Amino acid sequence: MDDQGRGGGLGESPFVLLGDLNASPYEGDASRTAITGLLRHPKMAAIDFPQSLGGIEHSPKVNQQHSALHTAVWRMQVDYVRPSRALPILQQAVFWPHSNDSQFSLLKNTSDHLLVFLDLTL
């Protein structure tokens, strides 16, 4: 149901779930049941989450197990671009380069959220 009480659904149409959901299946105080249920829904593609070397570098001792998955500088995975099962995926990533990477300077004066992207075939 939407906010106006209208029923509907996606049927078998391909879709992409994207946005700042401010919830992680691994960390923080959001409902892990809700975010996990959404990300594991049968219509969602069963793919690994994108990772970054910058996330590992940013949190080498804190949340080490999940730091490669972080999408925000405050050390959590909260931003998502997740395709439905119907979409062929070419690649995905979090744009968080390591400090030795030539593109690292692009992060200066940006959001506290990193770019999460997905290349797919339509």
PDB file of N, CA and C in Angstrom:
ATOM      1  N   MET A   1       0.838  -1.188   0.000  1.00  0.00           N
ATOM      2  CA  MET A   1       0.000   0.000   0.000  1.00  0.00           C
ATOM      3  C   MET A   1       0.876   1.242   0.000  1.00  0.00           C
ATOM      4  N   ASP A   2       0.446   2.243  -0.763  1.00  0.00           N
ATOM      5  CA  ASP A   2       1.190   3.493  -0.721  1.00  0.00           C
ATOM      6  C   ASP A   2       0.624   4.387   0.380  1.00  0.00           C
ATOM      7  N   ASP A   3       1.162   5.592   0.494  1.00  0.00           N
ATOM      8  CA  ASP A   3       0.751   6.502   1.564  1.00  0.00           C
ATOM      9  C   ASP A   3      -0.702   6.956   1.443  1.00  0.00           C
ATOM     10  N   GLN A   4      -1.270   6.820   0.257  1.00  0.00           N
ATOM     11  CA  GLN A   4      -2.669   7.192   0.064  1.00  0.00           C
ATOM     12  C   GLN A   4      -3.599   5.991   0.166  1.00  0.00           C
ATOM     13  N   GLY A   5      -3.077   4.833   0.552  1.00  0.00           N
ATOM     14  CA  GLY A   5      -3.896   3.645   0.732  1.00  0.00           C
ATOM     15  C   GLY A   5      -4.175   2.867  -0.531  1.00  0.00           C
ATOM     16  N   ARG A   6      -3.502   3.205  -1.630  1.00  0.00           N
ATOM     17  CA  ARG A   6      -3.717   2.493  -2.892  1.00  0.00           C
ATOM     18  C   ARG A   6      -2.846   1.247  -2.942  1.00  0.00           C
ATOM     19  N   GLY A   7      -3.466   0.145  -3.323  1.00  0.00           N
ATOM     20  CA  GLY A   7      -2.731  -1.095  -3.489  1.00  0.00           C
ATOM     21  C   GLY A   7      -2.082  -1.147  -4.849  1.00  0.00           C
ATOM     22  N   GLY A   8      -1.184  -2.038  -5.017  1.00  0.00           N
ATOM     23  CA  GLY A   8      -0.520  -2.167  -6.309  1.00  0.00           C
ATOM     24  C   GLY A   8       0.640  -3.130  -6.185  1.00  0.00           C
ATOM     25  N   GLY A   9       1.581  -2.966  -7.011  1.00  0.00           N
ATOM     26  CA  GLY A   9       2.757  -3.814  -6.969  1.00  0.00           C
ATOM     27  C   GLY A   9       3.529  -3.728  -8.254  1.00  0.00           C
ATOM     28  N   LEU A  10       4.671  -4.303  -8.236  1.00  0.00           N
ATOM     29  CA  LEU A  10       5.547  -4.262  -9.394  1.00  0.00           C
ATOM     30  C   LEU A  10       5.322  -5.416 -10.352  1.00  0.00           C
ATOM     31  N   GLY A  11       4.596  -6.427  -9.915  1.00  0.00           N
ATOM     32  CA  GLY A  11       4.429  -7.599 -10.758  1.00  0.00           C
ATOM     33  C   GLY A  11       5.787  -8.206 -11.053  1.00  0.00           C
ATOM     34  N   GLU A  12       6.041  -8.506 -12.304  1.00  0.00           N
ATOM     35  CA  GLU A  12       7.342  -9.058 -12.701  1.00  0.00           C
ATOM     36  C   GLU A  12       8.227  -8.008 -13.375  1.00  0.00           C
ATOM     37  N   SER A  13       7.832  -6.748 -13.329  1.00  0.00           N
ATOM     38  CA  SER A  13       8.626  -5.684 -13.934  1.00  0.00           C
ATOM     39  C   SER A  13       9.975  -5.552 -13.243  1.00  0.00           C
ATOM     40  N   PRO A  14      11.037  -5.324 -14.021  1.00  0.00           N
ATOM     41  CA  PRO A  14      12.339  -5.098 -13.394  1.00  0.00           C
ATOM     42  C   PRO A  14      12.341  -3.755 -12.662  1.00  0.00           C
ATOM     43  N   PHE A  15      13.132  -3.663 -11.615  1.00  0.00           N
ATOM     44  CA  PHE A  15      13.209  -2.428 -10.829  1.00  0.00           C
ATOM     45  C   PHE A  15      14.567  -2.335 -10.161  1.00  0.00           C
ATOM     46  N   VAL A  16      14.864  -1.156  -9.652  1.00  0.00           N
ATOM     47  CA  VAL A  16      16.068  -0.924  -8.867  1.00  0.00           C
ATOM     48  C   VAL A  16      15.656  -0.179  -7.606  1.00  0.00           C
ATOM     49  N   LEU A  17      16.057  -0.709  -6.474  1.00  0.00           N
ATOM     50  CA  LEU A  17      15.856  -0.052  -5.186  1.00  0.00           C
ATOM     51  C   LEU A  17      17.100   0.777  -4.925  1.00  0.00           C
ATOM     52  N   LEU A  18      16.926   2.081  -4.721  1.00  0.00           N
ATOM     53  CA  LEU A  18      18.098   2.887  -4.442  1.00  0.00           C
ATOM     54  C   LEU A  18      17.772   3.994  -3.472  1.00  0.00           C
ATOM     55  N   GLY A  19      18.784   4.358  -2.706  1.00  0.00           N
ATOM     56  CA  GLY A  19      18.629   5.479  -1.800  1.00  0.00           C
ATOM     57  C   GLY A  19      19.406   5.317  -0.521  1.00  0.00           C
ATOM     58  N   ASP A  20      19.298   6.351   0.271  1.00  0.00           N
ATOM     59  CA  ASP A  20      19.888   6.395   1.600  1.00  0.00           C
ATOM     60  C   ASP A  20      18.835   5.831   2.557  1.00  0.00           C
ATOM     61  N   LEU A  21      18.983   4.575   2.899  1.00  0.00           N
ATOM     62  CA  LEU A  21      17.989   3.913   3.754  1.00  0.00           C
ATOM     63  C   LEU A  21      18.316   4.053   5.235  1.00  0.00           C
ATOM     64  N   ASN A  22      19.511   4.568   5.551  1.00  0.00           N
ATOM     65  CA  ASN A  22      19.951   4.748   6.941  1.00  0.00           C
ATOM     66  C   ASN A  22      19.716   3.508   7.792  1.00  0.00           C
ATOM     67  N   ALA A  23      19.960   2.365   7.211  1.00  0.00           N
ATOM     68  CA  ALA A  23      19.823   1.103   7.925  1.00  0.00           C
ATOM     69  C   ALA A  23      20.832   0.112   7.368  1.00  0.00           C
ATOM     70  N   SER A  24      21.415  -0.663   8.247  1.00  0.00           N
ATOM     71  CA  SER A  24      22.394  -1.672   7.860  1.00  0.00           C
ATOM     72  C   SER A  24      21.952  -3.030   8.382  1.00  0.00           C
ATOM     73  N   PRO A  25      22.163  -4.079   7.590  1.00  0.00           N
ATOM     74  CA  PRO A  25      21.844  -5.410   8.112  1.00  0.00           C
ATOM     75  C   PRO A  25      22.852  -5.887   9.160  1.00  0.00           C
ATOM     76  N   TYR A  26      23.939  -5.128   9.369  1.00  0.00           N
ATOM     77  CA  TYR A  26      25.015  -5.576  10.252  1.00  0.00           C
ATOM     78  C   TYR A  26      25.296  -4.671  11.446  1.00  0.00           C
ATOM     79  N   GLU A  27      25.048  -3.369  11.300  1.00  0.00           N
ATOM     80  CA  GLU A  27      25.486  -2.416  12.320  1.00  0.00           C
ATOM     81  C   GLU A  27      24.398  -1.398  12.628  1.00  0.00           C
ATOM     82  N   GLY A  28      24.592  -0.634  13.683  1.00  0.00           N
ATOM     83  CA  GLY A  28      23.692   0.456  14.027  1.00  0.00           C
ATOM     84  C   GLY A  28      22.462   0.003  14.780  1.00  0.00           C
ATOM     85  N   ASP A  29      21.561   0.960  15.005  1.00  0.00           N
ATOM     86  CA  ASP A  29      20.388   0.661  15.830  1.00  0.00           C
ATOM     87  C   ASP A  29      19.080   0.600  15.046  1.00  0.00           C
ATOM     88  N   ALA A  30      19.146   0.605  13.717  1.00  0.00           N
ATOM     89  CA  ALA A  30      17.932   0.436  12.908  1.00  0.00           C
ATOM     90  C   ALA A  30      17.472  -1.021  13.001  1.00  0.00           C
ATOM     91  N   SER A  31      16.251  -1.266  12.613  1.00  0.00           N
ATOM     92  CA  SER A  31      15.711  -2.621  12.656  1.00  0.00           C
ATOM     93  C   SER A  31      16.417  -3.500  11.621  1.00  0.00           C
ATOM     94  N   ARG A  32      17.217  -4.418  12.097  1.00  0.00           N
ATOM     95  CA  ARG A  32      17.912  -5.331  11.183  1.00  0.00           C
ATOM     96  C   ARG A  32      16.915  -6.260  10.483  1.00  0.00           C
ATOM     97  N   THR A  33      15.838  -6.592  11.150  1.00  0.00           N
ATOM     98  CA  THR A  33      14.822  -7.447  10.555  1.00  0.00           C
ATOM     99  C   THR A  33      14.209  -6.767   9.331  1.00  0.00           C
ATOM    100  N   ALA A  34      13.920  -5.479   9.429  1.00  0.00           N
ATOM    101  CA  ALA A  34      13.288  -4.759   8.318  1.00  0.00           C
ATOM    102  C   ALA A  34      14.231  -4.643   7.123  1.00  0.00           C
ATOM    103  N   ILE A  35      15.452  -4.189   7.336  1.00  0.00           N
ATOM    104  CA  ILE A  35      16.367  -4.001   6.213  1.00  0.00           C
ATOM    105  C   ILE A  35      16.773  -5.343   5.609  1.00  0.00           C
ATOM    106  N   THR A  36      16.976  -6.346   6.428  1.00  0.00           N
ATOM    107  CA  THR A  36      17.338  -7.668   5.927  1.00  0.00           C
ATOM    108  C   THR A  36      16.186  -8.261   5.115  1.00  0.00           C
ATOM    109  N   GLY A  37      14.961  -8.103   5.610  1.00  0.00           N
ATOM    110  CA  GLY A  37      13.796  -8.597   4.871  1.00  0.00           C
ATOM    111  C   GLY A  37      13.659  -7.934   3.513  1.00  0.00           C
ATOM    112  N   LEU A  38      13.909  -6.629   3.461  1.00  0.00           N
ATOM    113  CA  LEU A  38      13.834  -5.906   2.201  1.00  0.00           C
ATOM    114  C   LEU A  38      14.922  -6.378   1.234  1.00  0.00           C
ATOM    115  N   LEU A  39      16.156  -6.454   1.708  1.00  0.00           N
ATOM    116  CA  LEU A  39      17.270  -6.812   0.834  1.00  0.00           C
ATOM    117  C   LEU A  39      17.258  -8.281   0.418  1.00  0.00           C
ATOM    118  N   ARG A  40      16.614  -9.131   1.202  1.00  0.00           N
ATOM    119  CA  ARG A  40      16.534 -10.561   0.864  1.00  0.00           C
ATOM    120  C   ARG A  40      15.201 -10.958   0.252  1.00  0.00           C
ATOM    121  N   HIS A  41      14.391  -9.971  -0.072  1.00  0.00           N
ATOM    122  CA  HIS A  41      13.086 -10.258  -0.671  1.00  0.00           C
ATOM    123  C   HIS A  41      13.287 -11.105  -1.929  1.00  0.00           C
ATOM    124  N   PRO A  42      12.401 -12.051  -2.203  1.00  0.00           N
ATOM    125  CA  PRO A  42      12.553 -12.927  -3.376  1.00  0.00           C
ATOM    126  C   PRO A  42      12.668 -12.189  -4.707  1.00  0.00           C
ATOM    127  N   LYS A  43      12.164 -10.962  -4.813  1.00  0.00           N
ATOM    128  CA  LYS A  43      12.276 -10.224  -6.063  1.00  0.00           C
ATOM    129  C   LYS A  43      13.622  -9.504  -6.212  1.00  0.00           C
ATOM    130  N   MET A  44      14.389  -9.427  -5.124  1.00  0.00           N
ATOM    131  CA  MET A  44      15.689  -8.751  -5.181  1.00  0.00           C
ATOM    132  C   MET A  44      16.757  -9.724  -5.666  1.00  0.00           C
ATOM    133  N   ALA A  45      17.734  -9.207  -6.409  1.00  0.00           N
ATOM    134  CA  ALA A  45      18.860 -10.029  -6.853  1.00  0.00           C
ATOM    135  C   ALA A  45      19.669 -10.473  -5.640  1.00  0.00           C
ATOM    136  N   ALA A  46      20.072 -11.706  -5.649  1.00  0.00           N
ATOM    137  CA  ALA A  46      20.896 -12.244  -4.562  1.00  0.00           C
ATOM    138  C   ALA A  46      22.362 -12.040  -4.933  1.00  0.00           C
ATOM    139  N   ILE A  47      22.854 -10.818  -4.714  1.00  0.00           N
ATOM    140  CA  ILE A  47      24.233 -10.479  -5.045  1.00  0.00           C
ATOM    141  C   ILE A  47      24.934  -9.950  -3.806  1.00  0.00           C
ATOM    142  N   ASP A  48      26.240 -10.043  -3.808  1.00  0.00           N
ATOM    143  CA  ASP A  48      27.013  -9.480  -2.710  1.00  0.00           C
ATOM    144  C   ASP A  48      26.899  -7.962  -2.731  1.00  0.00           C
ATOM    145  N   PHE A  49      27.194  -7.343  -1.613  1.00  0.00           N
ATOM    146  CA  PHE A  49      27.204  -5.887  -1.546  1.00  0.00           C
ATOM    147  C   PHE A  49      28.520  -5.365  -2.093  1.00  0.00           C
ATOM    148  N   PRO A  50      28.507  -4.189  -2.731  1.00  0.00           N
ATOM    149  CA  PRO A  50      29.755  -3.625  -3.238  1.00  0.00           C
ATOM    150  C   PRO A  50      30.676  -3.237  -2.086  1.00  0.00           C
ATOM    151  N   GLN A  51      31.972  -3.262  -2.372  1.00  0.00           N
ATOM    152  CA  GLN A  51      32.966  -2.965  -1.350  1.00  0.00           C
ATOM    153  C   GLN A  51      33.939  -1.904  -1.850  1.00  0.00           C
ATOM    154  N   SER A  52      34.687  -1.315  -0.917  1.00  0.00           N
ATOM    155  CA  SER A  52      35.666  -0.301  -1.289  1.00  0.00           C
ATOM    156  C   SER A  52      36.917  -0.418  -0.430  1.00  0.00           C
ATOM    157  N   LEU A  53      38.041  -0.064  -1.026  1.00  0.00           N
ATOM    158  CA  LEU A  53      39.297   0.000  -0.281  1.00  0.00           C
ATOM    159  C   LEU A  53      39.302   1.201   0.653  1.00  0.00           C
ATOM    160  N   GLY A  54      38.631   2.279   0.252  1.00  0.00           N
ATOM    161  CA  GLY A  54      38.549   3.466   1.105  1.00  0.00           C
ATOM    162  C   GLY A  54      37.829   3.196   2.407  1.00  0.00           C
ATOM    163  N   GLY A  55      36.788   2.376   2.360  1.00  0.00           N
ATOM    164  CA  GLY A  55      36.071   2.018   3.590  1.00  0.00           C
ATOM    165  C   GLY A  55      36.952   1.256   4.552  1.00  0.00           C
ATOM    166  N   ILE A  56      37.755   0.349   4.019  1.00  0.00           N
ATOM    167  CA  ILE A  56      38.681  -0.419   4.856  1.00  0.00           C
ATOM    168  C   ILE A  56      39.719   0.515   5.471  1.00  0.00           C
ATOM    169  N   GLU A  57      40.262   1.414   4.648  1.00  0.00           N
ATOM    170  CA  GLU A  57      41.276   2.353   5.134  1.00  0.00           C
ATOM    171  C   GLU A  57      40.692   3.292   6.190  1.00  0.00           C
ATOM    172  N   HIS A  58      39.456   3.738   5.983  1.00  0.00           N
ATOM    173  CA  HIS A  58      38.810   4.685   6.904  1.00  0.00           C
ATOM    174  C   HIS A  58      38.524   4.059   8.272  1.00  0.00           C
ATOM    175  N   SER A  59      38.281   2.780   8.310  1.00  0.00           N
ATOM    176  CA  SER A  59      37.918   2.099   9.563  1.00  0.00           C
ATOM    177  C   SER A  59      38.762   0.850   9.763  1.00  0.00           C
ATOM    178  N   PRO A  60      40.079   0.979   9.865  1.00  0.00           N
ATOM    179  CA  PRO A  60      40.925  -0.214   9.949  1.00  0.00           C
ATOM    180  C   PRO A  60      40.757  -1.001  11.249  1.00  0.00           C
ATOM    181  N   LYS A  61      40.359  -0.331  12.326  1.00  0.00           N
ATOM    182  CA  LYS A  61      40.253  -1.029  13.607  1.00  0.00           C
ATOM    183  C   LYS A  61      38.832  -1.080  14.134  1.00  0.00           C
ATOM    184  N   VAL A  62      37.978  -0.213  13.618  1.00  0.00           N
ATOM    185  CA  VAL A  62      36.586  -0.171  14.054  1.00  0.00           C
ATOM    186  C   VAL A  62      35.744  -0.884  13.013  1.00  0.00           C
ATOM    187  N   ASN A  63      34.881  -1.767  13.428  1.00  0.00           N
ATOM    188  CA  ASN A  63      33.980  -2.480  12.512  1.00  0.00           C
ATOM    189  C   ASN A  63      34.739  -3.116  11.351  1.00  0.00           C
ATOM    190  N   GLN A  64      35.908  -3.641  11.637  1.00  0.00           N
ATOM    191  CA  GLN A  64      36.767  -4.178  10.600  1.00  0.00           C
ATOM    192  C   GLN A  64      36.050  -5.212   9.728  1.00  0.00           C
ATOM    193  N   GLN A  65      35.195  -5.990  10.319  1.00  0.00           N
ATOM    194  CA  GLN A  65      34.497  -7.035   9.583  1.00  0.00           C
ATOM    195  C   GLN A  65      33.627  -6.460   8.470  1.00  0.00           C
ATOM    196  N   HIS A  66      33.066  -5.262   8.668  1.00  0.00           N
ATOM    197  CA  HIS A  66      32.130  -4.690   7.705  1.00  0.00           C
ATOM    198  C   HIS A  66      32.618  -3.389   7.077  1.00  0.00           C
ATOM    199  N   SER A  67      33.823  -2.939   7.398  1.00  0.00           N
ATOM    200  CA  SER A  67      34.285  -1.632   6.915  1.00  0.00           C
ATOM    201  C   SER A  67      34.346  -1.547   5.390  1.00  0.00           C
ATOM    202  N   ALA A  68      34.613  -2.626   4.695  1.00  0.00           N
ATOM    203  CA  ALA A  68      34.649  -2.601   3.226  1.00  0.00           C
ATOM    204  C   ALA A  68      33.267  -2.303   2.640  1.00  0.00           C
ATOM    205  N   LEU A  69      32.215  -2.536   3.406  1.00  0.00           N
ATOM    206  CA  LEU A  69      30.842  -2.316   2.945  1.00  0.00           C
ATOM    207  C   LEU A  69      30.322  -0.918   3.268  1.00  0.00           C
ATOM    208  N   HIS A  70      31.059  -0.159   4.073  1.00  0.00           N
ATOM    209  CA  HIS A  70      30.564   1.146   4.512  1.00  0.00           C
ATOM    210  C   HIS A  70      30.353   2.081   3.329  1.00  0.00           C
ATOM    211  N   THR A  71      29.259   2.833   3.409  1.00  0.00           N
ATOM    212  CA  THR A  71      28.929   3.806   2.370  1.00  0.00           C
ATOM    213  C   THR A  71      28.817   5.213   2.938  1.00  0.00           C
ATOM    214  N   ALA A  72      29.088   5.369   4.215  1.00  0.00           N
ATOM    215  CA  ALA A  72      29.042   6.675   4.875  1.00  0.00           C
ATOM    216  C   ALA A  72      30.287   6.823   5.748  1.00  0.00           C
ATOM    217  N   VAL A  73      30.781   8.043   5.837  1.00  0.00           N
ATOM    218  CA  VAL A  73      32.010   8.261   6.600  1.00  0.00           C
ATOM    219  C   VAL A  73      31.817   8.035   8.092  1.00  0.00           C
ATOM    220  N   TRP A  74      30.568   7.969   8.549  1.00  0.00           N
ATOM    221  CA  TRP A  74      30.326   7.692   9.962  1.00  0.00           C
ATOM    222  C   TRP A  74      30.235   6.183  10.223  1.00  0.00           C
ATOM    223  N   ARG A  75      30.814   5.422   9.298  1.00  0.00           N
ATOM    224  CA  ARG A  75      31.138   4.006   9.477  1.00  0.00           C
ATOM    225  C   ARG A  75      29.925   3.074   9.534  1.00  0.00           C
ATOM    226  N   MET A  76      29.112   3.154   8.472  1.00  0.00           N
ATOM    227  CA  MET A  76      28.015   2.196   8.311  1.00  0.00           C
ATOM    228  C   MET A  76      27.663   2.045   6.841  1.00  0.00           C
ATOM    229  N   GLN A  77      27.067   0.921   6.528  1.00  0.00           N
ATOM    230  CA  GLN A  77      26.491   0.682   5.202  1.00  0.00           C
ATOM    231  C   GLN A  77      25.041   1.134   5.278  1.00  0.00           C
ATOM    232  N   VAL A  78      24.720   2.235   4.590  1.00  0.00           N
ATOM    233  CA  VAL A  78      23.360   2.770   4.667  1.00  0.00           C
ATOM    234  C   VAL A  78      22.790   3.180   3.312  1.00  0.00           C
ATOM    235  N   ASP A  79      23.632   3.199   2.280  1.00  0.00           N
ATOM    236  CA  ASP A  79      23.211   3.633   0.949  1.00  0.00           C
ATOM    237  C   ASP A  79      23.199   2.426   0.022  1.00  0.00           C
ATOM    238  N   TYR A  80      22.163   2.333  -0.791  1.00  0.00           N
ATOM    239  CA  TYR A  80      21.971   1.127  -1.582  1.00  0.00           C
ATOM    240  C   TYR A  80      21.573   1.414  -3.018  1.00  0.00           C
ATOM    241  N   VAL A  81      22.049   0.578  -3.917  1.00  0.00           N
ATOM    242  CA  VAL A  81      21.557   0.461  -5.280  1.00  0.00           C
ATOM    243  C   VAL A  81      21.450  -1.043  -5.502  1.00  0.00           C
ATOM    244  N   ARG A  82      20.226  -1.546  -5.398  1.00  0.00           N
ATOM    245  CA  ARG A  82      19.995  -2.991  -5.440  1.00  0.00           C
ATOM    246  C   ARG A  82      19.004  -3.332  -6.547  1.00  0.00           C
ATOM    247  N   PRO A  83      19.400  -4.164  -7.499  1.00  0.00           N
ATOM    248  CA  PRO A  83      18.526  -4.510  -8.622  1.00  0.00           C
ATOM    249  C   PRO A  83      17.585  -5.670  -8.293  1.00  0.00           C
ATOM    250  N   SER A  84      16.544  -5.749  -9.090  1.00  0.00           N
ATOM    251  CA  SER A  84      15.669  -6.917  -9.003  1.00  0.00           C
ATOM    252  C   SER A  84      16.351  -8.096  -9.704  1.00  0.00           C
ATOM    253  N   ARG A  85      15.828  -9.285  -9.483  1.00  0.00           N
ATOM    254  CA  ARG A  85      16.386 -10.490 -10.109  1.00  0.00           C
ATOM    255  C   ARG A  85      16.340 -10.416 -11.630  1.00  0.00           C
ATOM    256  N   ALA A  86      15.433  -9.612 -12.166  1.00  0.00           N
ATOM    257  CA  ALA A  86      15.215  -9.564 -13.618  1.00  0.00           C
ATOM    258  C   ALA A  86      16.270  -8.756 -14.371  1.00  0.00           C
ATOM    259  N   LEU A  87      17.183  -8.107 -13.670  1.00  0.00           N
ATOM    260  CA  LEU A  87      18.165  -7.240 -14.336  1.00  0.00           C
ATOM    261  C   LEU A  87      19.564  -7.842 -14.308  1.00  0.00           C
ATOM    262  N   PRO A  88      20.187  -8.020 -15.474  1.00  0.00           N
ATOM    263  CA  PRO A  88      21.559  -8.528 -15.527  1.00  0.00           C
ATOM    264  C   PRO A  88      22.563  -7.465 -15.055  1.00  0.00           C
ATOM    265  N   ILE A  89      23.399  -7.821 -14.115  1.00  0.00           N
ATOM    266  CA  ILE A  89      24.349  -6.892 -13.505  1.00  0.00           C
ATOM    267  C   ILE A  89      25.719  -7.053 -14.143  1.00  0.00           C
ATOM    268  N   LEU A  90      26.320  -5.926 -14.533  1.00  0.00           N
ATOM    269  CA  LEU A  90      27.667  -5.938 -15.086  1.00  0.00           C
ATOM    270  C   LEU A  90      28.703  -5.715 -13.997  1.00  0.00           C
ATOM    271  N   GLN A  91      28.497  -4.688 -13.181  1.00  0.00           N
ATOM    272  CA  GLN A  91      29.396  -4.416 -12.067  1.00  0.00           C
ATOM    273  C   GLN A  91      28.713  -3.486 -11.081  1.00  0.00           C
ATOM    274  N   GLN A  92      29.258  -3.436  -9.875  1.00  0.00           N
ATOM    275  CA  GLN A  92      28.767  -2.522  -8.858  1.00  0.00           C
ATOM    276  C   GLN A  92      29.941  -2.121  -7.981  1.00  0.00           C
ATOM    277  N   ALA A  93      29.827  -0.969  -7.342  1.00  0.00           N
ATOM    278  CA  ALA A  93      30.916  -0.514  -6.487  1.00  0.00           C
ATOM    279  C   ALA A  93      30.449   0.622  -5.590  1.00  0.00           C
ATOM    280  N   VAL A  94      31.252   0.888  -4.580  1.00  0.00           N
ATOM    281  CA  VAL A  94      31.155   2.093  -3.780  1.00  0.00           C
ATOM    282  C   VAL A  94      32.354   2.935  -4.192  1.00  0.00           C
ATOM    283  N   PHE A  95      32.122   4.180  -4.603  1.00  0.00           N
ATOM    284  CA  PHE A  95      33.241   5.036  -4.985  1.00  0.00           C
ATOM    285  C   PHE A  95      33.846   5.633  -3.719  1.00  0.00           C
ATOM    286  N   TRP A  96      34.806   4.912  -3.189  1.00  0.00           N
ATOM    287  CA  TRP A  96      35.547   5.363  -2.014  1.00  0.00           C
ATOM    288  C   TRP A  96      36.983   4.906  -2.209  1.00  0.00           C
ATOM    289  N   PRO A  97      37.734   5.649  -3.024  1.00  0.00           N
ATOM    290  CA  PRO A  97      39.099   5.236  -3.321  1.00  0.00           C
ATOM    291  C   PRO A  97      40.015   5.326  -2.106  1.00  0.00           C
ATOM    292  N   HIS A  98      41.036   4.517  -2.112  1.00  0.00           N
ATOM    293  CA  HIS A  98      42.096   4.539  -1.101  1.00  0.00           C
ATOM    294  C   HIS A  98      42.837   5.868  -1.223  1.00  0.00           C
ATOM    295  N   SER A  99      43.445   6.342  -0.155  1.00  0.00           N
ATOM    296  CA  SER A  99      44.124   7.644  -0.169  1.00  0.00           C
ATOM    297  C   SER A  99      45.284   7.712  -1.167  1.00  0.00           C
ATOM    298  N   ASN A 100      45.827   6.580  -1.584  1.00  0.00           N
ATOM    299  CA  ASN A 100      46.895   6.559  -2.583  1.00  0.00           C
ATOM    300  C   ASN A 100      46.364   6.590  -4.015  1.00  0.00           C
ATOM    301  N   ASP A 101      45.077   6.488  -4.186  1.00  0.00           N
ATOM    302  CA  ASP A 101      44.462   6.472  -5.517  1.00  0.00           C
ATOM    303  C   ASP A 101      44.416   7.900  -6.078  1.00  0.00           C
ATOM    304  N   SER A 102      44.653   8.045  -7.356  1.00  0.00           N
ATOM    305  CA  SER A 102      44.645   9.373  -7.988  1.00  0.00           C
ATOM    306  C   SER A 102      43.277  10.048  -7.921  1.00  0.00           C
ATOM    307  N   GLN A 103      42.207   9.290  -7.717  1.00  0.00           N
ATOM    308  CA  GLN A 103      40.857   9.864  -7.650  1.00  0.00           C
ATOM    309  C   GLN A 103      40.440  10.242  -6.231  1.00  0.00           C
ATOM    310  N   PHE A 104      41.305   9.997  -5.261  1.00  0.00           N
ATOM    311  CA  PHE A 104      40.964  10.283  -3.865  1.00  0.00           C
ATOM    312  C   PHE A 104      40.593  11.751  -3.658  1.00  0.00           C
ATOM    313  N   SER A 105      41.247  12.652  -4.359  1.00  0.00           N
ATOM    314  CA  SER A 105      40.988  14.090  -4.188  1.00  0.00           C
ATOM    315  C   SER A 105      39.557  14.471  -4.583  1.00  0.00           C
ATOM    316  N   LEU A 106      38.884  13.636  -5.357  1.00  0.00           N
ATOM    317  CA  LEU A 106      37.501  13.917  -5.752  1.00  0.00           C
ATOM    318  C   LEU A 106      36.551  13.881  -4.553  1.00  0.00           C
ATOM    319  N   LEU A 107      36.978  13.292  -3.456  1.00  0.00           N
ATOM    320  CA  LEU A 107      36.127  13.195  -2.269  1.00  0.00           C
ATOM    321  C   LEU A 107      36.155  14.454  -1.414  1.00  0.00           C
ATOM    322  N   LYS A 108      37.069  15.378  -1.710  1.00  0.00           N
ATOM    323  CA  LYS A 108      37.180  16.606  -0.925  1.00  0.00           C
ATOM    324  C   LYS A 108      35.902  17.428  -1.066  1.00  0.00           C
ATOM    325  N   ASN A 109      35.391  17.907   0.052  1.00  0.00           N
ATOM    326  CA  ASN A 109      34.195  18.759   0.091  1.00  0.00           C
ATOM    327  C   ASN A 109      32.962  18.082  -0.494  1.00  0.00           C
ATOM    328  N   THR A 110      32.801  16.791  -0.244  1.00  0.00           N
ATOM    329  CA  THR A 110      31.619  16.070  -0.708  1.00  0.00           C
ATOM    330  C   THR A 110      30.755  15.667   0.477  1.00  0.00           C
ATOM    331  N   SER A 111      29.722  14.957   0.203  1.00  0.00           N
ATOM    332  CA  SER A 111      28.787  14.477   1.219  1.00  0.00           C
ATOM    333  C   SER A 111      29.469  13.495   2.166  1.00  0.00           C
ATOM    334  N   ASP A 112      28.828  13.261   3.296  1.00  0.00           N
ATOM    335  CA  ASP A 112      29.311  12.218   4.209  1.00  0.00           C
ATOM    336  C   ASP A 112      28.853  10.834   3.753  1.00  0.00           C
ATOM    337  N   HIS A 113      28.129  10.775   2.638  1.00  0.00           N
ATOM    338  CA  HIS A 113      27.741   9.516   2.010  1.00  0.00           C
ATOM    339  C   HIS A 113      28.545   9.365   0.725  1.00  0.00           C
ATOM    340  N   LEU A 114      28.973   8.141   0.436  1.00  0.00           N
ATOM    341  CA  LEU A 114      29.751   7.878  -0.761  1.00  0.00           C
ATOM    342  C   LEU A 114      28.822   7.437  -1.887  1.00  0.00           C
ATOM    343  N   LEU A 115      29.316   7.556  -3.100  1.00  0.00           N
ATOM    344  CA  LEU A 115      28.557   7.153  -4.277  1.00  0.00           C
ATOM    345  C   LEU A 115      28.524   5.634  -4.388  1.00  0.00           C
ATOM    346  N   VAL A 116      27.335   5.087  -4.469  1.00  0.00           N
ATOM    347  CA  VAL A 116      27.152   3.661  -4.718  1.00  0.00           C
ATOM    348  C   VAL A 116      26.592   3.561  -6.128  1.00  0.00           C
ATOM    349  N   PHE A 117      27.211   2.746  -6.962  1.00  0.00           N
ATOM    350  CA  PHE A 117      26.715   2.643  -8.334  1.00  0.00           C
ATOM    351  C   PHE A 117      26.610   1.213  -8.808  1.00  0.00           C
ATOM    352  N   LEU A 118      25.834   1.057  -9.855  1.00  0.00           N
ATOM    353  CA  LEU A 118      25.544  -0.244 -10.423  1.00  0.00           C
ATOM    354  C   LEU A 118      25.464  -0.086 -11.933  1.00  0.00           C
ATOM    355  N   ASP A 119      26.173  -0.917 -12.652  1.00  0.00           N
ATOM    356  CA  ASP A 119      26.067  -0.984 -14.117  1.00  0.00           C
ATOM    357  C   ASP A 119      25.271  -2.236 -14.439  1.00  0.00           C
ATOM    358  N   LEU A 120      24.238  -2.078 -15.236  1.00  0.00           N
ATOM    359  CA  LEU A 120      23.424  -3.231 -15.607  1.00  0.00           C
ATOM    360  C   LEU A 120      22.975  -3.113 -17.041  1.00  0.00           C
ATOM    361  N   THR A 121      22.445  -4.180 -17.566  1.00  0.00           N
ATOM    362  CA  THR A 121      21.963  -4.224 -18.936  1.00  0.00           C
ATOM    363  C   THR A 121      20.452  -4.140 -18.936  1.00  0.00           C
ATOM    364  N   LEU A 122      19.934  -3.223 -19.752  1.00  0.00           N
ATOM    365  CA  LEU A 122      18.474  -3.091 -19.882  1.00  0.00           C
ATOM    366  C   LEU A 122      18.038  -3.656 -21.219  1.00  0.00           C
TER     367      LEU A 122
END
